[in-house]
Amino acid sequence: MRDDASLRNRPLAVGGRPDRRGVIATCNYPARAFGVRSAMSSAHALRLCPDLLIVPPDMPRYRQAAAQIRAIFQEYSPLIEPLSLDEAYLDVSGSSALGGSATRIARELRAKVVERVGITISAGVAPNKFLAKIASEWRKPDGLFVIAPDQVEAFVSALPVARLHGVGQVTANRLQKLGINTCADLRRIDTLQLVRWFGKFGQRLAELAQGIDERPVQPNRERKSVSVERTFAADLPDLDACLRELPPLIAALAQRMEQAGVSQAGGKLFIKMKADNFRQTTVERGGLALAENEFRSLCRQGFERLGRPVRLLGVGVRFEDTEQAQLELFGDLARI
């Protein structure tokens, strides 16, 4: 849209080909008005919006823009925690720029990105990462939303629990059945009861309902996992077909690990499979070398669980948990 003015007012998505079971990676707001969303199949997206233009990804261009934006971030703080190519946390509590005002910094930063990179960004300003993440999504696209410390209580009380980090559709539905729709409702539940219902995540829910998030901005985070996966144009009908697809996936995984400068030491191998009915399973095993026979064993277990033709197959390494975490790096060979 930035580089081609003719695309700016039409439904547009980045993704794979619909005839190859491609998936939508992202889309613009005109496309979203038709119900198109990320992670949706390209074929379904076209049914929702027949005029949708789907273009292939251009990672070198995205990385160039991301590097330009990162350079602007560094003008205000060295404490930058990237979440992806286009999202990051900044800790500006120690910055002297613009009188140390986070709101003024966010406003100027957004203006510089428009001027130098030619795209708009949204920003959220808040006392912690949890609230800043929500604030950054509050006025998309091209918005700025501020949650001042004295506004946290009122803002969080009215916040739907579905907006809490880590609450997916299943947990949101469960909370709703328990009569918990907002953080104010959540606060009325004893923390021990939440732990009984949701395990360790119950403690986290209790903290988020109070607006509490003590996680620091971590500029140097370790990867949690590295993996590659492929969605096939035609389903793999049986186990033998799945096993035949493993060698190129394992080779691609080894290459990706080398490029990322990581080793498998102390980690766990895992395999991800999705059946033709979209049921999904993941099987993992720890302390093993990056060997084909180990992935073959995991593949057998996964196929036994599903018992159906396979549309997606992935292999990866999950590293030992540390206090630092990073989003998983997945590469879909069928989308690129």
C-alpha atoms as a PDB file:
ATOM      1  CA  MET A   1       0.000   0.000   0.000  1.00  0.00           C
ATOM      2  CA  ARG A   2       2.896   2.343   0.744  1.00  0.00           C
ATOM      3  CA  ASP A   3       4.656   1.602  -2.520  1.00  0.00           C
ATOM      4  CA  ASP A   4       1.616   1.348  -4.809  1.00  0.00           C
ATOM      5  CA  ALA A   5      -1.054   4.017  -4.330  1.00  0.00           C
ATOM      6  CA  SER A   6      -3.580   2.007  -6.375  1.00  0.00           C
ATOM      7  CA  LEU A   7      -3.739  -0.592  -3.592  1.00  0.00           C
ATOM      8  CA  ARG A   8      -4.568   1.738  -0.735  1.00  0.00           C
ATOM      9  CA  ASN A   9      -8.355   1.658  -0.907  1.00  0.00           C
ATOM     10  CA  ARG A  10      -8.965  -1.906  -2.020  1.00  0.00           C
ATOM     11  CA  PRO A  11      -9.154  -5.120   0.031  1.00  0.00           C
ATOM     12  CA  LEU A  12      -5.616  -6.458   0.202  1.00  0.00           C
ATOM     13  CA  ALA A  13      -3.931  -9.376   1.969  1.00  0.00           C
ATOM     14  CA  VAL A  14      -0.508 -10.948   2.196  1.00  0.00           C
ATOM     15  CA  GLY A  15      -0.599 -14.711   2.046  1.00  0.00           C
ATOM     16  CA  GLY A  16      -0.324 -17.933   0.105  1.00  0.00           C
ATOM     17  CA  ARG A  17      -2.144 -19.042  -3.020  1.00  0.00           C
ATOM     18  CA  PRO A  18      -5.685 -20.332  -2.465  1.00  0.00           C
ATOM     19  CA  ASP A  19      -5.097 -23.269  -4.829  1.00  0.00           C
ATOM     20  CA  ARG A  20      -2.124 -24.354  -2.695  1.00  0.00           C
ATOM     21  CA  ARG A  21      -3.918 -24.166   0.641  1.00  0.00           C
ATOM     22  CA  GLY A  22      -2.308 -20.839   1.374  1.00  0.00           C
ATOM     23  CA  VAL A  23      -3.020 -18.938   4.571  1.00  0.00           C
ATOM     24  CA  ILE A  24      -3.545 -15.214   5.140  1.00  0.00           C
ATOM     25  CA  ALA A  25      -0.594 -13.730   7.034  1.00  0.00           C
ATOM     26  CA  THR A  26      -2.099 -10.248   7.375  1.00  0.00           C
ATOM     27  CA  CYS A  27      -4.618  -7.989   5.668  1.00  0.00           C
ATOM     28  CA  ASN A  28      -5.632  -4.349   5.509  1.00  0.00           C
ATOM     29  CA  TYR A  29      -8.704  -2.797   7.108  1.00  0.00           C
ATOM     30  CA  PRO A  30     -10.845  -2.756   3.921  1.00  0.00           C
ATOM     31  CA  ALA A  31     -10.363  -6.552   3.818  1.00  0.00           C
ATOM     32  CA  ARG A  32     -11.164  -6.910   7.512  1.00  0.00           C
ATOM     33  CA  ALA A  33     -14.508  -5.218   6.909  1.00  0.00           C
ATOM     34  CA  PHE A  34     -15.475  -8.380   4.971  1.00  0.00           C
ATOM     35  CA  GLY A  35     -14.395 -10.645   7.832  1.00  0.00           C
ATOM     36  CA  VAL A  36     -10.957 -11.536   6.470  1.00  0.00           C
ATOM     37  CA  ARG A  37      -8.488 -12.282   9.262  1.00  0.00           C
ATOM     38  CA  SER A  38      -4.920 -13.490   9.795  1.00  0.00           C
ATOM     39  CA  ALA A  39      -4.482 -17.290   9.891  1.00  0.00           C
ATOM     40  CA  MET A  40      -7.598 -17.758   7.729  1.00  0.00           C
ATOM     41  CA  SER A  41      -7.245 -19.936   4.647  1.00  0.00           C
ATOM     42  CA  SER A  42      -6.822 -17.907   1.473  1.00  0.00           C
ATOM     43  CA  ALA A  43      -9.656 -19.829  -0.165  1.00  0.00           C
ATOM     44  CA  HIS A  44     -12.069 -18.908   2.628  1.00  0.00           C
ATOM     45  CA  ALA A  45     -10.891 -15.289   2.536  1.00  0.00           C
ATOM     46  CA  LEU A  46     -11.746 -15.103  -1.171  1.00  0.00           C
ATOM     47  CA  ARG A  47     -15.203 -16.515  -0.505  1.00  0.00           C
ATOM     48  CA  LEU A  48     -15.783 -13.743   2.029  1.00  0.00           C
ATOM     49  CA  CYS A  49     -14.317 -11.076  -0.246  1.00  0.00           C
ATOM     50  CA  PRO A  50     -14.239 -12.040  -3.953  1.00  0.00           C
ATOM     51  CA  ASP A  51     -12.391  -8.816  -4.837  1.00  0.00           C
ATOM     52  CA  LEU A  52      -9.594  -9.530  -2.359  1.00  0.00           C
ATOM     53  CA  LEU A  53      -6.104  -9.180  -3.845  1.00  0.00           C
ATOM     54  CA  ILE A  54      -3.674 -11.638  -2.232  1.00  0.00           C
ATOM     55  CA  VAL A  55       0.010 -10.836  -2.729  1.00  0.00           C
ATOM     56  CA  PRO A  56       2.954 -13.044  -1.692  1.00  0.00           C
ATOM     57  CA  PRO A  57       5.149 -11.998   1.241  1.00  0.00           C
ATOM     58  CA  ASP A  58       8.262  -9.899   0.615  1.00  0.00           C
ATOM     59  CA  MET A  59      10.426 -10.540   3.681  1.00  0.00           C
ATOM     60  CA  PRO A  60      13.462  -8.472   2.568  1.00  0.00           C
ATOM     61  CA  ARG A  61      11.232  -5.406   2.242  1.00  0.00           C
ATOM     62  CA  TYR A  62       9.620  -6.049   5.644  1.00  0.00           C
ATOM     63  CA  ARG A  63      13.002  -6.488   7.317  1.00  0.00           C
ATOM     64  CA  GLN A  64      14.242  -3.231   5.782  1.00  0.00           C
ATOM     65  CA  ALA A  65      11.249  -1.304   7.146  1.00  0.00           C
ATOM     66  CA  ALA A  66      11.586  -3.030  10.520  1.00  0.00           C
ATOM     67  CA  ALA A  67      15.255  -2.024  10.734  1.00  0.00           C
ATOM     68  CA  GLN A  68      14.358   1.589   9.965  1.00  0.00           C
ATOM     69  CA  ILE A  69      11.702   1.595  12.677  1.00  0.00           C
ATOM     70  CA  ARG A  70      14.078  -0.050  15.159  1.00  0.00           C
ATOM     71  CA  ALA A  71      16.639   2.690  14.495  1.00  0.00           C
ATOM     72  CA  ILE A  72      14.006   5.291  15.390  1.00  0.00           C
ATOM     73  CA  PHE A  73      13.179   3.425  18.603  1.00  0.00           C
ATOM     74  CA  GLN A  74      16.862   3.521  19.563  1.00  0.00           C
ATOM     75  CA  GLU A  75      16.823   7.306  19.462  1.00  0.00           C
ATOM     76  CA  TYR A  76      14.668   7.229  22.593  1.00  0.00           C
ATOM     77  CA  SER A  77      15.761   4.174  24.591  1.00  0.00           C
ATOM     78  CA  PRO A  78      18.213   1.258  24.465  1.00  0.00           C
ATOM     79  CA  LEU A  79      15.631  -0.891  26.285  1.00  0.00           C
ATOM     80  CA  ILE A  80      13.748  -2.391  23.343  1.00  0.00           C
ATOM     81  CA  GLU A  81      12.122  -5.815  23.416  1.00  0.00           C
ATOM     82  CA  PRO A  82      11.040  -6.877  19.922  1.00  0.00           C
ATOM     83  CA  LEU A  83       8.018  -9.168  19.672  1.00  0.00           C
ATOM     84  CA  SER A  84       8.037  -9.485  15.890  1.00  0.00           C
ATOM     85  CA  LEU A  85       9.113  -7.506  12.841  1.00  0.00           C
ATOM     86  CA  ASP A  86       6.468  -4.857  13.493  1.00  0.00           C
ATOM     87  CA  GLU A  87       5.956  -4.817  17.255  1.00  0.00           C
ATOM     88  CA  ALA A  88       8.117  -4.051  20.285  1.00  0.00           C
ATOM     89  CA  TYR A  89       8.075  -2.882  23.881  1.00  0.00           C
ATOM     90  CA  LEU A  90      10.097   0.220  24.799  1.00  0.00           C
ATOM     91  CA  ASP A  91      11.026   1.144  28.354  1.00  0.00           C
ATOM     92  CA  VAL A  92      11.404   4.942  28.331  1.00  0.00           C
ATOM     93  CA  SER A  93      11.262   5.401  32.104  1.00  0.00           C
ATOM     94  CA  GLY A  94      14.921   6.452  32.099  1.00  0.00           C
ATOM     95  CA  SER A  95      14.785   8.566  28.949  1.00  0.00           C
ATOM     96  CA  SER A  96      15.490  12.293  29.088  1.00  0.00           C
ATOM     97  CA  ALA A  97      13.987  12.912  25.641  1.00  0.00           C
ATOM     98  CA  LEU A  98      11.098  15.384  25.545  1.00  0.00           C
ATOM     99  CA  GLY A  99      11.292  15.915  29.266  1.00  0.00           C
ATOM    100  CA  GLY A 100      10.910  12.190  29.944  1.00  0.00           C
ATOM    101  CA  SER A 101       7.252  12.225  28.846  1.00  0.00           C
ATOM    102  CA  ALA A 102       6.307   8.806  27.476  1.00  0.00           C
ATOM    103  CA  THR A 103       3.258  10.272  25.762  1.00  0.00           C
ATOM    104  CA  ARG A 104       5.281  12.936  23.955  1.00  0.00           C
ATOM    105  CA  ILE A 105       7.896  10.346  23.009  1.00  0.00           C
ATOM    106  CA  ALA A 106       5.221   8.073  21.524  1.00  0.00           C
ATOM    107  CA  ARG A 107       3.696  10.952  19.585  1.00  0.00           C
ATOM    108  CA  GLU A 108       7.044  12.078  18.134  1.00  0.00           C
ATOM    109  CA  LEU A 109       8.167   8.523  17.442  1.00  0.00           C
ATOM    110  CA  ARG A 110       5.019   7.825  15.415  1.00  0.00           C
ATOM    111  CA  ALA A 111       5.529  11.016  13.395  1.00  0.00           C
ATOM    112  CA  LYS A 112       9.130  10.040  12.585  1.00  0.00           C
ATOM    113  CA  VAL A 113       8.064   6.612  11.354  1.00  0.00           C
ATOM    114  CA  VAL A 114       5.559   8.199   8.968  1.00  0.00           C
ATOM    115  CA  GLU A 115       8.158  10.675   7.731  1.00  0.00           C
ATOM    116  CA  ARG A 116      11.097   8.282   7.321  1.00  0.00           C
ATOM    117  CA  VAL A 117       9.476   4.913   6.601  1.00  0.00           C
ATOM    118  CA  GLY A 118       6.210   5.994   5.007  1.00  0.00           C
ATOM    119  CA  ILE A 119       3.899   3.851   7.123  1.00  0.00           C
ATOM    120  CA  THR A 120       1.712   4.512  10.155  1.00  0.00           C
ATOM    121  CA  ILE A 121       2.017   2.762  13.502  1.00  0.00           C
ATOM    122  CA  SER A 122      -0.123   2.609  16.615  1.00  0.00           C
ATOM    123  CA  ALA A 123       1.290   3.070  20.110  1.00  0.00           C
ATOM    124  CA  GLY A 124       0.159   2.412  23.647  1.00  0.00           C
ATOM    125  CA  VAL A 125       1.556   4.157  26.714  1.00  0.00           C
ATOM    126  CA  ALA A 126       1.050   2.533  30.121  1.00  0.00           C
ATOM    127  CA  PRO A 127       2.854   1.665  33.381  1.00  0.00           C
ATOM    128  CA  ASN A 128       3.545  -1.972  32.394  1.00  0.00           C
ATOM    129  CA  LYS A 129       3.799  -4.333  29.431  1.00  0.00           C
ATOM    130  CA  PHE A 130       0.378  -5.910  29.826  1.00  0.00           C
ATOM    131  CA  LEU A 131      -1.426  -2.576  29.722  1.00  0.00           C
ATOM    132  CA  ALA A 132       0.844  -1.103  27.035  1.00  0.00           C
ATOM    133  CA  LYS A 133       0.042  -4.038  24.753  1.00  0.00           C
ATOM    134  CA  ILE A 134      -3.702  -3.514  25.183  1.00  0.00           C
ATOM    135  CA  ALA A 135      -3.347   0.257  24.781  1.00  0.00           C
ATOM    136  CA  SER A 136      -1.439  -0.185  21.511  1.00  0.00           C
ATOM    137  CA  GLU A 137      -4.432  -2.060  20.055  1.00  0.00           C
ATOM    138  CA  TRP A 138      -7.083   0.304  21.428  1.00  0.00           C
ATOM    139  CA  ARG A 139      -7.112   2.831  18.584  1.00  0.00           C
ATOM    140  CA  LYS A 140      -5.786   0.952  15.577  1.00  0.00           C
ATOM    141  CA  PRO A 141      -5.014   1.849  12.890  1.00  0.00           C
ATOM    142  CA  ASP A 142      -2.709   4.834  13.309  1.00  0.00           C
ATOM    143  CA  GLY A 143      -3.679   5.546  16.910  1.00  0.00           C
ATOM    144  CA  LEU A 144      -2.220   6.540  20.262  1.00  0.00           C
ATOM    145  CA  PHE A 145      -3.826   5.527  23.551  1.00  0.00           C
ATOM    146  CA  VAL A 146      -2.541   6.384  27.011  1.00  0.00           C
ATOM    147  CA  ILE A 147      -3.355   4.666  30.311  1.00  0.00           C
ATOM    148  CA  ALA A 148      -1.946   6.882  33.060  1.00  0.00           C
ATOM    149  CA  PRO A 149      -1.183   5.345  36.478  1.00  0.00           C
ATOM    150  CA  ASP A 150      -4.241   6.981  38.062  1.00  0.00           C
ATOM    151  CA  GLN A 151      -6.437   5.543  35.284  1.00  0.00           C
ATOM    152  CA  VAL A 152      -5.376   1.912  35.687  1.00  0.00           C
ATOM    153  CA  GLU A 153      -8.006   0.989  38.291  1.00  0.00           C
ATOM    154  CA  ALA A 154     -10.992   2.175  36.263  1.00  0.00           C
ATOM    155  CA  PHE A 155      -9.628   0.944  32.942  1.00  0.00           C
ATOM    156  CA  VAL A 156      -8.843  -2.578  34.129  1.00  0.00           C
ATOM    157  CA  SER A 157     -12.101  -2.959  36.059  1.00  0.00           C
ATOM    158  CA  ALA A 158     -14.141  -2.523  32.886  1.00  0.00           C
ATOM    159  CA  LEU A 159     -11.779  -4.568  30.706  1.00  0.00           C
ATOM    160  CA  PRO A 160     -13.332  -7.750  29.245  1.00  0.00           C
ATOM    161  CA  VAL A 161     -11.460 -10.850  30.392  1.00  0.00           C
ATOM    162  CA  ALA A 162     -11.189 -11.906  26.744  1.00  0.00           C
ATOM    163  CA  ARG A 163      -8.686  -9.051  26.279  1.00  0.00           C
ATOM    164  CA  LEU A 164      -6.282 -10.459  28.887  1.00  0.00           C
ATOM    165  CA  HIS A 165      -2.964 -11.822  27.632  1.00  0.00           C
ATOM    166  CA  GLY A 166      -3.129 -15.608  27.442  1.00  0.00           C
ATOM    167  CA  VAL A 167      -6.920 -15.849  27.465  1.00  0.00           C
ATOM    168  CA  GLY A 168      -7.917 -17.604  24.268  1.00  0.00           C
ATOM    169  CA  GLN A 169     -11.377 -18.525  23.054  1.00  0.00           C
ATOM    170  CA  VAL A 170     -11.593 -21.703  25.149  1.00  0.00           C
ATOM    171  CA  THR A 171     -10.611 -19.962  28.407  1.00  0.00           C
ATOM    172  CA  ALA A 172     -12.834 -16.982  27.609  1.00  0.00           C
ATOM    173  CA  ASN A 173     -15.808 -19.302  27.098  1.00  0.00           C
ATOM    174  CA  ARG A 174     -15.074 -21.099  30.353  1.00  0.00           C
ATOM    175  CA  LEU A 175     -14.845 -17.822  32.248  1.00  0.00           C
ATOM    176  CA  GLN A 176     -18.099 -16.655  30.722  1.00  0.00           C
ATOM    177  CA  LYS A 177     -19.852 -19.846  31.861  1.00  0.00           C
ATOM    178  CA  LEU A 178     -18.589 -19.071  35.366  1.00  0.00           C
ATOM    179  CA  GLY A 179     -20.202 -15.629  35.147  1.00  0.00           C
ATOM    180  CA  ILE A 180     -16.860 -13.854  34.713  1.00  0.00           C
ATOM    181  CA  ASN A 181     -16.992 -11.327  31.879  1.00  0.00           C
ATOM    182  CA  THR A 182     -14.863  -8.407  33.095  1.00  0.00           C
ATOM    183  CA  CYS A 183     -11.828  -7.969  35.310  1.00  0.00           C
ATOM    184  CA  ALA A 184     -14.150  -6.566  37.975  1.00  0.00           C
ATOM    185  CA  ASP A 185     -15.914  -9.943  37.971  1.00  0.00           C
ATOM    186  CA  LEU A 186     -12.563 -11.714  38.108  1.00  0.00           C
ATOM    187  CA  ARG A 187     -11.462  -9.715  41.145  1.00  0.00           C
ATOM    188  CA  ARG A 188     -14.392 -11.067  43.129  1.00  0.00           C
ATOM    189  CA  ILE A 189     -13.063 -14.616  42.813  1.00  0.00           C
ATOM    190  CA  ASP A 190     -10.578 -15.830  45.414  1.00  0.00           C
ATOM    191  CA  THR A 191      -7.120 -16.440  43.947  1.00  0.00           C
ATOM    192  CA  LEU A 192      -6.994 -19.979  45.366  1.00  0.00           C
ATOM    193  CA  GLN A 193     -10.250 -20.752  43.587  1.00  0.00           C
ATOM    194  CA  LEU A 194      -8.829 -19.445  40.321  1.00  0.00           C
ATOM    195  CA  VAL A 195      -5.789 -21.687  40.805  1.00  0.00           C
ATOM    196  CA  ARG A 196      -8.100 -24.662  41.378  1.00  0.00           C
ATOM    197  CA  TRP A 197      -9.926 -23.879  38.150  1.00  0.00           C
ATOM    198  CA  PHE A 198      -7.014 -22.851  35.917  1.00  0.00           C
ATOM    199  CA  GLY A 199      -3.844 -24.110  37.599  1.00  0.00           C
ATOM    200  CA  LYS A 200      -0.836 -21.771  37.589  1.00  0.00           C
ATOM    201  CA  PHE A 201      -2.584 -19.533  35.079  1.00  0.00           C
ATOM    202  CA  GLY A 202      -5.167 -18.757  37.771  1.00  0.00           C
ATOM    203  CA  GLN A 203      -2.521 -16.809  39.693  1.00  0.00           C
ATOM    204  CA  ARG A 204      -1.668 -14.880  36.558  1.00  0.00           C
ATOM    205  CA  LEU A 205      -5.344 -14.085  35.962  1.00  0.00           C
ATOM    206  CA  ALA A 206      -5.648 -12.698  39.480  1.00  0.00           C
ATOM    207  CA  GLU A 207      -2.663 -10.406  38.897  1.00  0.00           C
ATOM    208  CA  LEU A 208      -3.820  -9.165  35.504  1.00  0.00           C
ATOM    209  CA  ALA A 209      -7.280  -8.415  36.909  1.00  0.00           C
ATOM    210  CA  GLN A 210      -5.533  -5.962  39.230  1.00  0.00           C
ATOM    211  CA  GLY A 211      -3.477  -4.463  36.409  1.00  0.00           C
ATOM    212  CA  ILE A 212      -0.310  -6.032  37.814  1.00  0.00           C
ATOM    213  CA  ASP A 213       2.501  -7.064  35.474  1.00  0.00           C
ATOM    214  CA  GLU A 214       6.039  -7.057  36.871  1.00  0.00           C
ATOM    215  CA  ARG A 215       7.768  -8.333  33.731  1.00  0.00           C
ATOM    216  CA  PRO A 216      10.668  -6.050  32.742  1.00  0.00           C
ATOM    217  CA  VAL A 217      11.433  -5.034  29.178  1.00  0.00           C
ATOM    218  CA  GLN A 218      14.107  -7.520  28.067  1.00  0.00           C
ATOM    219  CA  PRO A 219      16.267  -6.381  25.151  1.00  0.00           C
ATOM    220  CA  ASN A 220      18.067  -9.723  24.802  1.00  0.00           C
ATOM    221  CA  ARG A 221      15.628 -12.596  24.980  1.00  0.00           C
ATOM    222  CA  GLU A 222      16.388 -16.201  24.168  1.00  0.00           C
ATOM    223  CA  ARG A 223      14.354 -18.106  21.632  1.00  0.00           C
ATOM    224  CA  LYS A 224      11.760 -20.470  22.995  1.00  0.00           C
ATOM    225  CA  SER A 225      11.708 -22.657  19.886  1.00  0.00           C
ATOM    226  CA  VAL A 226      12.650 -22.905  16.234  1.00  0.00           C
ATOM    227  CA  SER A 227      10.541 -24.864  13.761  1.00  0.00           C
ATOM    228  CA  VAL A 228       9.446 -25.205  10.173  1.00  0.00           C
ATOM    229  CA  GLU A 229       6.156 -26.479   8.851  1.00  0.00           C
ATOM    230  CA  ARG A 230       4.463 -27.103   5.542  1.00  0.00           C
ATOM    231  CA  THR A 231       0.824 -27.115   4.465  1.00  0.00           C
ATOM    232  CA  PHE A 232       0.345 -29.542   1.580  1.00  0.00           C
ATOM    233  CA  ALA A 233      -1.717 -28.893  -1.545  1.00  0.00           C
ATOM    234  CA  ALA A 234      -3.015 -32.467  -1.285  1.00  0.00           C
ATOM    235  CA  ASP A 235      -3.491 -34.308   2.015  1.00  0.00           C
ATOM    236  CA  LEU A 236      -0.886 -36.898   3.000  1.00  0.00           C
ATOM    237  CA  PRO A 237      -3.089 -40.009   3.035  1.00  0.00           C
ATOM    238  CA  ASP A 238      -1.123 -42.287   5.361  1.00  0.00           C
ATOM    239  CA  LEU A 239       1.855 -42.604   7.692  1.00  0.00           C
ATOM    240  CA  ASP A 240       4.282 -43.581   4.926  1.00  0.00           C
ATOM    241  CA  ALA A 241       3.437 -40.388   3.025  1.00  0.00           C
ATOM    242  CA  CYS A 242       4.117 -38.351   6.165  1.00  0.00           C
ATOM    243  CA  LEU A 243       7.450 -40.087   6.746  1.00  0.00           C
ATOM    244  CA  ARG A 244       8.553 -39.334   3.173  1.00  0.00           C
ATOM    245  CA  GLU A 245       8.060 -35.609   3.810  1.00  0.00           C
ATOM    246  CA  LEU A 246      10.244 -35.547   6.924  1.00  0.00           C
ATOM    247  CA  PRO A 247      13.784 -35.314   5.408  1.00  0.00           C
ATOM    248  CA  PRO A 248      13.316 -31.937   3.635  1.00  0.00           C
ATOM    249  CA  LEU A 249      11.597 -30.511   6.716  1.00  0.00           C
ATOM    250  CA  ILE A 250      14.431 -31.666   8.986  1.00  0.00           C
ATOM    251  CA  ALA A 251      17.008 -30.210   6.579  1.00  0.00           C
ATOM    252  CA  ALA A 252      15.146 -26.888   6.566  1.00  0.00           C
ATOM    253  CA  LEU A 253      15.033 -26.948  10.376  1.00  0.00           C
ATOM    254  CA  ALA A 254      18.791 -27.545  10.625  1.00  0.00           C
ATOM    255  CA  GLN A 255      19.401 -24.637   8.246  1.00  0.00           C
ATOM    256  CA  ARG A 256      17.115 -22.339  10.212  1.00  0.00           C
ATOM    257  CA  MET A 257      18.842 -23.251  13.490  1.00  0.00           C
ATOM    258  CA  GLU A 258      22.249 -22.552  11.943  1.00  0.00           C
ATOM    259  CA  GLN A 259      21.065 -19.179  10.649  1.00  0.00           C
ATOM    260  CA  ALA A 260      19.685 -18.329  14.082  1.00  0.00           C
ATOM    261  CA  GLY A 261      22.920 -19.378  15.792  1.00  0.00           C
ATOM    262  CA  VAL A 262      21.261 -21.846  18.153  1.00  0.00           C
ATOM    263  CA  SER A 263      21.907 -25.470  19.034  1.00  0.00           C
ATOM    264  CA  GLN A 264      19.601 -28.231  20.170  1.00  0.00           C
ATOM    265  CA  ALA A 265      21.539 -28.817  23.399  1.00  0.00           C
ATOM    266  CA  GLY A 266      19.194 -29.375  26.304  1.00  0.00           C
ATOM    267  CA  GLY A 267      16.109 -28.974  24.180  1.00  0.00           C
ATOM    268  CA  LYS A 268      13.192 -31.109  23.061  1.00  0.00           C
ATOM    269  CA  LEU A 269      12.336 -32.307  19.597  1.00  0.00           C
ATOM    270  CA  PHE A 270       8.713 -31.939  18.588  1.00  0.00           C
ATOM    271  CA  ILE A 271       6.471 -32.629  15.650  1.00  0.00           C
ATOM    272  CA  LYS A 272       3.257 -30.825  14.783  1.00  0.00           C
ATOM    273  CA  MET A 273       0.505 -32.374  12.678  1.00  0.00           C
ATOM    274  CA  LYS A 274      -2.871 -31.098  11.497  1.00  0.00           C
ATOM    275  CA  ALA A 275      -5.449 -33.464  10.014  1.00  0.00           C
ATOM    276  CA  ASP A 276      -7.816 -32.844   7.119  1.00  0.00           C
ATOM    277  CA  ASN A 277     -10.559 -32.043   9.668  1.00  0.00           C
ATOM    278  CA  PHE A 278      -8.225 -29.398  11.229  1.00  0.00           C
ATOM    279  CA  ARG A 279      -7.702 -31.399  14.397  1.00  0.00           C
ATOM    280  CA  GLN A 280      -4.138 -30.755  15.547  1.00  0.00           C
ATOM    281  CA  THR A 281      -1.630 -32.532  17.742  1.00  0.00           C
ATOM    282  CA  THR A 282       1.944 -31.971  18.927  1.00  0.00           C
ATOM    283  CA  VAL A 283       4.287 -34.709  20.145  1.00  0.00           C
ATOM    284  CA  GLU A 284       7.634 -33.964  21.797  1.00  0.00           C
ATOM    285  CA  ARG A 285      10.574 -35.764  23.345  1.00  0.00           C
ATOM    286  CA  GLY A 286      13.551 -34.394  25.259  1.00  0.00           C
ATOM    287  CA  GLY A 287      17.314 -34.825  25.297  1.00  0.00           C
ATOM    288  CA  LEU A 288      17.751 -36.194  21.800  1.00  0.00           C
ATOM    289  CA  ALA A 289      19.926 -35.355  18.811  1.00  0.00           C
ATOM    290  CA  LEU A 290      18.455 -33.724  15.708  1.00  0.00           C
ATOM    291  CA  ALA A 291      18.052 -37.099  13.946  1.00  0.00           C
ATOM    292  CA  GLU A 292      15.576 -38.349  11.370  1.00  0.00           C
ATOM    293  CA  ASN A 293      14.813 -41.570  13.252  1.00  0.00           C
ATOM    294  CA  GLU A 294      13.687 -39.573  16.298  1.00  0.00           C
ATOM    295  CA  PHE A 295      11.323 -37.441  14.213  1.00  0.00           C
ATOM    296  CA  ARG A 296      10.018 -40.598  12.520  1.00  0.00           C
ATOM    297  CA  SER A 297       9.112 -42.007  15.923  1.00  0.00           C
ATOM    298  CA  LEU A 298       7.323 -38.801  16.896  1.00  0.00           C
ATOM    299  CA  CYS A 299       5.552 -38.774  13.539  1.00  0.00           C
ATOM    300  CA  ARG A 300       4.195 -42.279  14.133  1.00  0.00           C
ATOM    301  CA  GLN A 301       2.798 -41.229  17.512  1.00  0.00           C
ATOM    302  CA  GLY A 302       1.201 -38.133  16.034  1.00  0.00           C
ATOM    303  CA  PHE A 303      -0.403 -40.005  13.165  1.00  0.00           C
ATOM    304  CA  GLU A 304      -1.786 -42.634  15.551  1.00  0.00           C
ATOM    305  CA  ARG A 305      -3.456 -39.860  17.541  1.00  0.00           C
ATOM    306  CA  LEU A 306      -5.056 -38.272  14.508  1.00  0.00           C
ATOM    307  CA  GLY A 307      -5.828 -41.376  12.476  1.00  0.00           C
ATOM    308  CA  ARG A 308      -6.687 -39.265   9.434  1.00  0.00           C
ATOM    309  CA  PRO A 309      -5.023 -37.757   6.336  1.00  0.00           C
ATOM    310  CA  VAL A 310      -2.622 -34.935   7.219  1.00  0.00           C
ATOM    311  CA  ARG A 311      -2.785 -31.438   5.701  1.00  0.00           C
ATOM    312  CA  LEU A 312       0.063 -29.838   7.703  1.00  0.00           C
ATOM    313  CA  LEU A 313       3.317 -31.268   9.015  1.00  0.00           C
ATOM    314  CA  GLY A 314       5.972 -29.448  11.030  1.00  0.00           C
ATOM    315  CA  VAL A 315       9.175 -30.248  12.931  1.00  0.00           C
ATOM    316  CA  GLY A 316      10.991 -28.208  15.539  1.00  0.00           C
ATOM    317  CA  VAL A 317      13.120 -27.873  18.631  1.00  0.00           C
ATOM    318  CA  ARG A 318      11.798 -26.414  21.865  1.00  0.00           C
ATOM    319  CA  PHE A 319      14.441 -25.068  24.218  1.00  0.00           C
ATOM    320  CA  GLU A 320      14.534 -25.332  27.982  1.00  0.00           C
ATOM    321  CA  ASP A 321      12.467 -22.621  29.667  1.00  0.00           C
ATOM    322  CA  THR A 322      14.345 -19.641  31.042  1.00  0.00           C
ATOM    323  CA  GLU A 323      13.139 -16.454  32.618  1.00  0.00           C
ATOM    324  CA  GLN A 324      13.523 -14.932  29.186  1.00  0.00           C
ATOM    325  CA  ALA A 325      11.051 -15.849  26.466  1.00  0.00           C
ATOM    326  CA  GLN A 326      10.485 -15.102  22.820  1.00  0.00           C
ATOM    327  CA  LEU A 327       7.710 -15.833  20.384  1.00  0.00           C
ATOM    328  CA  GLU A 328       8.133 -19.092  18.516  1.00  0.00           C
ATOM    329  CA  LEU A 329       9.655 -18.804  15.081  1.00  0.00           C
ATOM    330  CA  PHE A 330       7.593 -20.759  12.611  1.00  0.00           C
ATOM    331  CA  GLY A 331       8.253 -20.938   8.900  1.00  0.00           C
ATOM    332  CA  ASP A 332       5.568 -22.275   6.612  1.00  0.00           C
ATOM    333  CA  LEU A 333       7.335 -23.617   3.549  1.00  0.00           C
ATOM    334  CA  ALA A 334       4.086 -23.658   1.612  1.00  0.00           C
ATOM    335  CA  ARG A 335       3.466 -19.971   2.101  1.00  0.00           C
ATOM    336  CA  ILE A 336       6.798 -18.581   0.972  1.00  0.00           C
END
